[in-house]
């Protein structure tokens, strides 16, 4: 009910400030989550590549 007592200009200013702060925070959060996922996936892929190279190198040594 108190919302009806607040002027529309004040509500507009509050909404604009919320958008000016909220939208960039949301975008930065999405970018942070995406970059963390890419980093995690890349680390897993590199571990798999290292493991497969280690198996190939180890297999070559046993044949000689």
PDB file of N, CA and C in Angstrom:
ATOM      1  N   UNK A   1       0.822  -1.190   0.000  1.00  0.00           N
ATOM      2  CA  UNK A   1       0.000   0.000   0.000  1.00  0.00           C
ATOM      3  C   UNK A   1       0.866   1.254   0.000  1.00  0.00           C
ATOM      4  N   UNK A   2       2.031   1.154   0.623  1.00  0.00           N
ATOM      5  CA  UNK A   2       2.915   2.315   0.676  1.00  0.00           C
ATOM      6  C   UNK A   2       3.426   2.675  -0.707  1.00  0.00           C
ATOM      7  N   UNK A   3       3.389   1.718  -1.635  1.00  0.00           N
ATOM      8  CA  UNK A   3       3.874   1.965  -2.992  1.00  0.00           C
ATOM      9  C   UNK A   3       3.041   3.033  -3.692  1.00  0.00           C
ATOM     10  N   UNK A   4       1.782   3.130  -3.341  1.00  0.00           N
ATOM     11  CA  UNK A   4       0.922   4.147  -3.947  1.00  0.00           C
ATOM     12  C   UNK A   4       1.284   5.552  -3.468  1.00  0.00           C
ATOM     13  N   UNK A   5       1.948   5.647  -2.341  1.00  0.00           N
ATOM     14  CA  UNK A   5       2.321   6.953  -1.801  1.00  0.00           C
ATOM     15  C   UNK A   5       3.613   7.502  -2.421  1.00  0.00           C
ATOM     16  N   UNK A   6       4.382   6.648  -3.091  1.00  0.00           N
ATOM     17  CA  UNK A   6       5.653   7.061  -3.682  1.00  0.00           C
ATOM     18  C   UNK A   6       5.382   7.654  -5.057  1.00  0.00           C
ATOM     19  N   UNK A   7       6.092   8.714  -5.374  1.00  0.00           N
ATOM     20  CA  UNK A   7       5.870   9.369  -6.668  1.00  0.00           C
ATOM     21  C   UNK A   7       6.379   8.484  -7.809  1.00  0.00           C
ATOM     22  N   UNK A   8       5.805   8.690  -8.968  1.00  0.00           N
ATOM     23  CA  UNK A   8       6.190   7.886 -10.126  1.00  0.00           C
ATOM     24  C   UNK A   8       7.612   8.195 -10.575  1.00  0.00           C
ATOM     25  N   UNK A   9       8.059   9.425 -10.367  1.00  0.00           N
ATOM     26  CA  UNK A   9       9.425   9.767 -10.753  1.00  0.00           C
ATOM     27  C   UNK A   9      10.436   8.990  -9.917  1.00  0.00           C
ATOM     28  N   UNK A  10      10.149   8.854  -8.632  1.00  0.00           N
ATOM     29  CA  UNK A  10      11.051   8.111  -7.760  1.00  0.00           C
ATOM     30  C   UNK A  10      11.082   6.633  -8.153  1.00  0.00           C
ATOM     31  N   UNK A  11       9.915   6.086  -8.471  1.00  0.00           N
ATOM     32  CA  UNK A  11       9.872   4.694  -8.910  1.00  0.00           C
ATOM     33  C   UNK A  11      10.640   4.503 -10.210  1.00  0.00           C
ATOM     34  N   UNK A  12      10.550   5.477 -11.113  1.00  0.00           N
ATOM     35  CA  UNK A  12      11.287   5.400 -12.365  1.00  0.00           C
ATOM     36  C   UNK A  12      12.789   5.430 -12.111  1.00  0.00           C
ATOM     37  N   UNK A  13      13.229   6.293 -11.221  1.00  0.00           N
ATOM     38  CA  UNK A  13      14.658   6.384 -10.890  1.00  0.00           C
ATOM     39  C   UNK A  13      15.139   5.084 -10.251  1.00  0.00           C
ATOM     40  N   UNK A  14      14.342   4.536  -9.354  1.00  0.00           N
ATOM     41  CA  UNK A  14      14.715   3.276  -8.708  1.00  0.00           C
ATOM     42  C   UNK A  14      14.793   2.153  -9.737  1.00  0.00           C
ATOM     43  N   UNK A  15      13.838   2.098 -10.656  1.00  0.00           N
ATOM     44  CA  UNK A  15      13.854   1.066 -11.691  1.00  0.00           C
ATOM     45  C   UNK A  15      15.060   1.223 -12.608  1.00  0.00           C
ATOM     46  N   UNK A  16      15.392   2.447 -12.972  1.00  0.00           N
ATOM     47  CA  UNK A  16      16.552   2.675 -13.839  1.00  0.00           C
ATOM     48  C   UNK A  16      17.840   2.270 -13.138  1.00  0.00           C
ATOM     49  N   UNK A  17      17.963   2.613 -11.866  1.00  0.00           N
ATOM     50  CA  UNK A  17      19.162   2.222 -11.122  1.00  0.00           C
ATOM     51  C   UNK A  17      19.261   0.702 -10.986  1.00  0.00           C
ATOM     52  N   UNK A  18      18.123   0.066 -10.761  1.00  0.00           N
ATOM     53  CA  UNK A  18      18.123  -1.394 -10.661  1.00  0.00           C
ATOM     54  C   UNK A  18      18.567  -2.020 -11.977  1.00  0.00           C
ATOM     55  N   UNK A  19      18.111  -1.470 -13.095  1.00  0.00           N
ATOM     56  CA  UNK A  19      18.532  -1.992 -14.392  1.00  0.00           C
ATOM     57  C   UNK A  19      19.998  -1.692 -14.676  1.00  0.00           C
ATOM     58  N   UNK A  20      20.443  -0.504 -14.314  1.00  0.00           N
ATOM     59  CA  UNK A  20      21.840  -0.135 -14.556  1.00  0.00           C
ATOM     60  C   UNK A  20      22.806  -0.994 -13.750  1.00  0.00           C
ATOM     61  N   UNK A  21      22.370  -1.470 -12.602  1.00  0.00           N
ATOM     62  CA  UNK A  21      23.226  -2.320 -11.778  1.00  0.00           C
ATOM     63  C   UNK A  21      22.947  -3.798 -12.044  1.00  0.00           C
ATOM     64  N   UNK A  22      21.689  -4.162 -12.163  1.00  0.00           N
ATOM     65  CA  UNK A  22      21.312  -5.566 -12.280  1.00  0.00           C
ATOM     66  C   UNK A  22      21.706  -6.220 -13.586  1.00  0.00           C
ATOM     67  N   UNK A  23      21.488  -5.542 -14.688  1.00  0.00           N
ATOM     68  CA  UNK A  23      21.791  -6.139 -15.994  1.00  0.00           C
ATOM     69  C   UNK A  23      23.289  -6.393 -16.154  1.00  0.00           C
ATOM     70  N   UNK A  24      24.161  -5.421 -15.862  1.00  0.00           N
ATOM     71  CA  UNK A  24      25.596  -5.728 -15.976  1.00  0.00           C
ATOM     72  C   UNK A  24      26.047  -6.848 -15.032  1.00  0.00           C
ATOM     73  N   UNK A  25      25.494  -6.892 -13.824  1.00  0.00           N
ATOM     74  CA  UNK A  25      25.851  -7.981 -12.916  1.00  0.00           C
ATOM     75  C   UNK A  25      25.423  -9.331 -13.477  1.00  0.00           C
ATOM     76  N   UNK A  26      24.248  -9.380 -14.076  1.00  0.00           N
ATOM     77  CA  UNK A  26      23.775 -10.618 -14.685  1.00  0.00           C
ATOM     78  C   UNK A  26      24.682 -11.032 -15.841  1.00  0.00           C
ATOM     79  N   UNK A  27      25.044 -10.085 -16.689  1.00  0.00           N
ATOM     80  CA  UNK A  27      25.905 -10.391 -17.839  1.00  0.00           C
ATOM     81  C   UNK A  27      27.275 -10.870 -17.369  1.00  0.00           C
ATOM     82  N   UNK A  28      27.847 -10.195 -16.387  1.00  0.00           N
ATOM     83  CA  UNK A  28      29.151 -10.606 -15.860  1.00  0.00           C
ATOM     84  C   UNK A  28      29.051 -11.996 -15.234  1.00  0.00           C
ATOM     85  N   UNK A  29      27.969 -12.274 -14.558  1.00  0.00           N
ATOM     86  CA  UNK A  29      27.772 -13.600 -13.974  1.00  0.00           C
ATOM     87  C   UNK A  29      27.691 -14.688 -15.025  1.00  0.00           C
ATOM     88  N   UNK A  30      26.962 -14.433 -16.097  1.00  0.00           N
ATOM     89  CA  UNK A  30      26.854 -15.416 -17.180  1.00  0.00           C
ATOM     90  C   UNK A  30      28.218 -15.648 -17.821  1.00  0.00           C
ATOM     91  N   UNK A  31      28.959 -14.576 -18.064  1.00  0.00           N
ATOM     92  CA  UNK A  31      30.293 -14.714 -18.662  1.00  0.00           C
ATOM     93  C   UNK A  31      31.219 -15.490 -17.726  1.00  0.00           C
ATOM     94  N   UNK A  32      31.141 -15.235 -16.432  1.00  0.00           N
ATOM     95  CA  UNK A  32      31.989 -15.937 -15.467  1.00  0.00           C
ATOM     96  C   UNK A  32      31.673 -17.427 -15.435  1.00  0.00           C
ATOM     97  N   UNK A  33      30.396 -17.768 -15.435  1.00  0.00           N
ATOM     98  CA  UNK A  33      30.007 -19.183 -15.420  1.00  0.00           C
ATOM     99  C   UNK A  33      30.444 -19.861 -16.708  1.00  0.00           C
ATOM    100  N   UNK A  34      30.257 -19.210 -17.842  1.00  0.00           N
ATOM    101  CA  UNK A  34      30.644 -19.791 -19.123  1.00  0.00           C
ATOM    102  C   UNK A  34      32.151 -19.990 -19.201  1.00  0.00           C
ATOM    103  N   UNK A  35      32.918 -19.000 -18.774  1.00  0.00           N
ATOM    104  CA  UNK A  35      34.374 -19.130 -18.850  1.00  0.00           C
ATOM    105  C   UNK A  35      34.883 -20.201 -17.888  1.00  0.00           C
ATOM    106  N   UNK A  36      34.252 -20.335 -16.730  1.00  0.00           N
ATOM    107  CA  UNK A  36      34.643 -21.397 -15.800  1.00  0.00           C
ATOM    108  C   UNK A  36      34.348 -22.762 -16.393  1.00  0.00           C
ATOM    109  N   UNK A  37      33.222 -22.897 -17.086  1.00  0.00           N
ATOM    110  CA  UNK A  37      32.900 -24.171 -17.723  1.00  0.00           C
ATOM    111  C   UNK A  37      33.889 -24.491 -18.831  1.00  0.00           C
ATOM    112  N   UNK A  38      34.231 -23.501 -19.643  1.00  0.00           N
ATOM    113  CA  UNK A  38      35.185 -23.727 -20.732  1.00  0.00           C
ATOM    114  C   UNK A  38      36.542 -24.132 -20.161  1.00  0.00           C
ATOM    115  N   UNK A  39      36.979 -23.465 -19.102  1.00  0.00           N
ATOM    116  CA  UNK A  39      38.267 -23.804 -18.476  1.00  0.00           C
ATOM    117  C   UNK A  39      38.238 -25.227 -17.925  1.00  0.00           C
ATOM    118  N   UNK A  40      37.155 -25.593 -17.251  1.00  0.00           N
ATOM    119  CA  UNK A  40      37.027 -26.936 -16.692  1.00  0.00           C
ATOM    120  C   UNK A  40      37.046 -27.983 -17.796  1.00  0.00           C
ATOM    121  N   UNK A  41      36.305 -27.737 -18.863  1.00  0.00           N
ATOM    122  CA  UNK A  41      36.246 -28.679 -19.974  1.00  0.00           C
ATOM    123  C   UNK A  41      37.603 -28.807 -20.654  1.00  0.00           C
ATOM    124  N   UNK A  42      38.310 -27.699 -20.812  1.00  0.00           N
ATOM    125  CA  UNK A  42      39.633 -27.738 -21.439  1.00  0.00           C
ATOM    126  C   UNK A  42      40.616 -28.522 -20.576  1.00  0.00           C
ATOM    127  N   UNK A  43      40.563 -28.350 -19.268  1.00  0.00           N
ATOM    128  CA  UNK A  43      41.458 -29.096 -18.387  1.00  0.00           C
ATOM    129  C   UNK A  43      41.189 -30.590 -18.476  1.00  0.00           C
ATOM    130  N   UNK A  44      39.915 -30.968 -18.520  1.00  0.00           N
ATOM    131  CA  UNK A  44      39.588 -32.387 -18.659  1.00  0.00           C
ATOM    132  C   UNK A  44      40.086 -32.936 -19.990  1.00  0.00           C
ATOM    133  N   UNK A  45      39.907 -32.180 -21.059  1.00  0.00           N
ATOM    134  CA  UNK A  45      40.352 -32.624 -22.377  1.00  0.00           C
ATOM    135  C   UNK A  45      41.866 -32.791 -22.408  1.00  0.00           C
ATOM    136  N   UNK A  46      42.591 -31.829 -21.829  1.00  0.00           N
ATOM    137  CA  UNK A  46      44.053 -31.925 -21.815  1.00  0.00           C
ATOM    138  C   UNK A  46      44.525 -33.112 -20.982  1.00  0.00           C
ATOM    139  N   UNK A  47      43.845 -33.412 -19.892  1.00  0.00           N
ATOM    140  CA  UNK A  47      44.196 -34.592 -19.102  1.00  0.00           C
ATOM    141  C   UNK A  47      43.980 -35.863 -19.906  1.00  0.00           C
ATOM    142  N   UNK A  48      42.889 -35.929 -20.678  1.00  0.00           N
ATOM    143  CA  UNK A  48      42.638 -37.097 -21.519  1.00  0.00           C
ATOM    144  C   UNK A  48      43.705 -37.233 -22.597  1.00  0.00           C
ATOM    145  N   UNK A  49      44.099 -36.114 -23.200  1.00  0.00           N
ATOM    146  CA  UNK A  49      45.128 -36.152 -24.238  1.00  0.00           C
ATOM    147  C   UNK A  49      46.456 -36.597 -23.638  1.00  0.00           C
ATOM    148  N   UNK A  50      46.809 -36.058 -22.482  1.00  0.00           N
ATOM    149  CA  UNK A  50      48.058 -36.463 -21.830  1.00  0.00           C
ATOM    150  C   UNK A  50      48.037 -37.945 -21.479  1.00  0.00           C
ATOM    151  N   UNK A  51      46.900 -38.426 -20.999  1.00  0.00           N
ATOM    152  CA  UNK A  51      46.795 -39.837 -20.640  1.00  0.00           C
ATOM    153  C   UNK A  51      46.916 -40.719 -21.876  1.00  0.00           C
ATOM    154  N   UNK A  52      46.290 -40.325 -22.973  1.00  0.00           N
ATOM    155  CA  UNK A  52      46.373 -41.142 -24.188  1.00  0.00           C
ATOM    156  C   UNK A  52      47.776 -41.095 -24.783  1.00  0.00           C
ATOM    157  N   UNK A  53      48.464 -39.965 -24.691  1.00  0.00           N
ATOM    158  CA  UNK A  53      49.846 -39.882 -25.168  1.00  0.00           C
ATOM    159  C   UNK A  53      50.758 -40.727 -24.290  1.00  0.00           C
ATOM    160  N   UNK A  54      50.497 -40.738 -23.004  1.00  0.00           N
ATOM    161  CA  UNK A  54      51.292 -41.558 -22.093  1.00  0.00           C
ATOM    162  C   UNK A  54      51.127 -43.036 -22.382  1.00  0.00           C
ATOM    163  N   UNK A  55      49.917 -43.449 -22.723  1.00  0.00           N
ATOM    164  CA  UNK A  55      49.681 -44.847 -23.073  1.00  0.00           C
ATOM    165  C   UNK A  55      50.379 -45.206 -24.372  1.00  0.00           C
ATOM    166  N   UNK A  56      50.345 -44.313 -25.347  1.00  0.00           N
ATOM    167  CA  UNK A  56      50.996 -44.583 -26.629  1.00  0.00           C
ATOM    168  C   UNK A  56      52.504 -44.654 -26.458  1.00  0.00           C
ATOM    169  N   UNK A  57      53.070 -43.750 -25.694  1.00  0.00           N
ATOM    170  CA  UNK A  57      54.518 -43.753 -25.471  1.00  0.00           C
ATOM    171  C   UNK A  57      54.911 -45.002 -24.696  1.00  0.00           C
ATOM    172  N   UNK A  58      54.139 -45.356 -23.699  1.00  0.00           N
ATOM    173  CA  UNK A  58      54.426 -46.559 -22.920  1.00  0.00           C
ATOM    174  C   UNK A  58      54.315 -47.808 -23.768  1.00  0.00           C
ATOM    175  N   UNK A  59      53.371 -47.856 -24.670  1.00  0.00           N
ATOM    176  CA  UNK A  59      53.213 -49.000 -25.563  1.00  0.00           C
ATOM    177  C   UNK A  59      54.375 -49.138 -26.520  1.00  0.00           C
ATOM    178  N   UNK A  60      54.920 -48.044 -26.996  1.00  0.00           N
ATOM    179  CA  UNK A  60      56.064 -48.088 -27.901  1.00  0.00           C
ATOM    180  C   UNK A  60      57.301 -48.609 -27.185  1.00  0.00           C
ATOM    181  N   UNK A  61      57.476 -48.248 -25.927  1.00  0.00           N
ATOM    182  CA  UNK A  61      58.646 -48.698 -25.176  1.00  0.00           C
ATOM    183  C   UNK A  61      58.596 -50.202 -24.932  1.00  0.00           C
ATOM    184  N   UNK A  62      57.417 -50.754 -24.738  1.00  0.00           N
ATOM    185  CA  UNK A  62      57.293 -52.180 -24.470  1.00  0.00           C
ATOM    186  C   UNK A  62      57.584 -53.004 -25.711  1.00  0.00           C
ATOM    187  N   UNK A  63      57.310 -52.469 -26.883  1.00  0.00           N
ATOM    188  CA  UNK A  63      57.545 -53.209 -28.125  1.00  0.00           C
ATOM    189  C   UNK A  63      59.035 -53.320 -28.443  1.00  0.00           C
ATOM    190  N   UNK A  64      59.835 -52.390 -28.020  1.00  0.00           N
ATOM    191  CA  UNK A  64      61.261 -52.375 -28.378  1.00  0.00           C
ATOM    192  C   UNK A  64      62.011 -53.309 -27.544  1.00  0.00           C
TER     193      UNK A  64
END
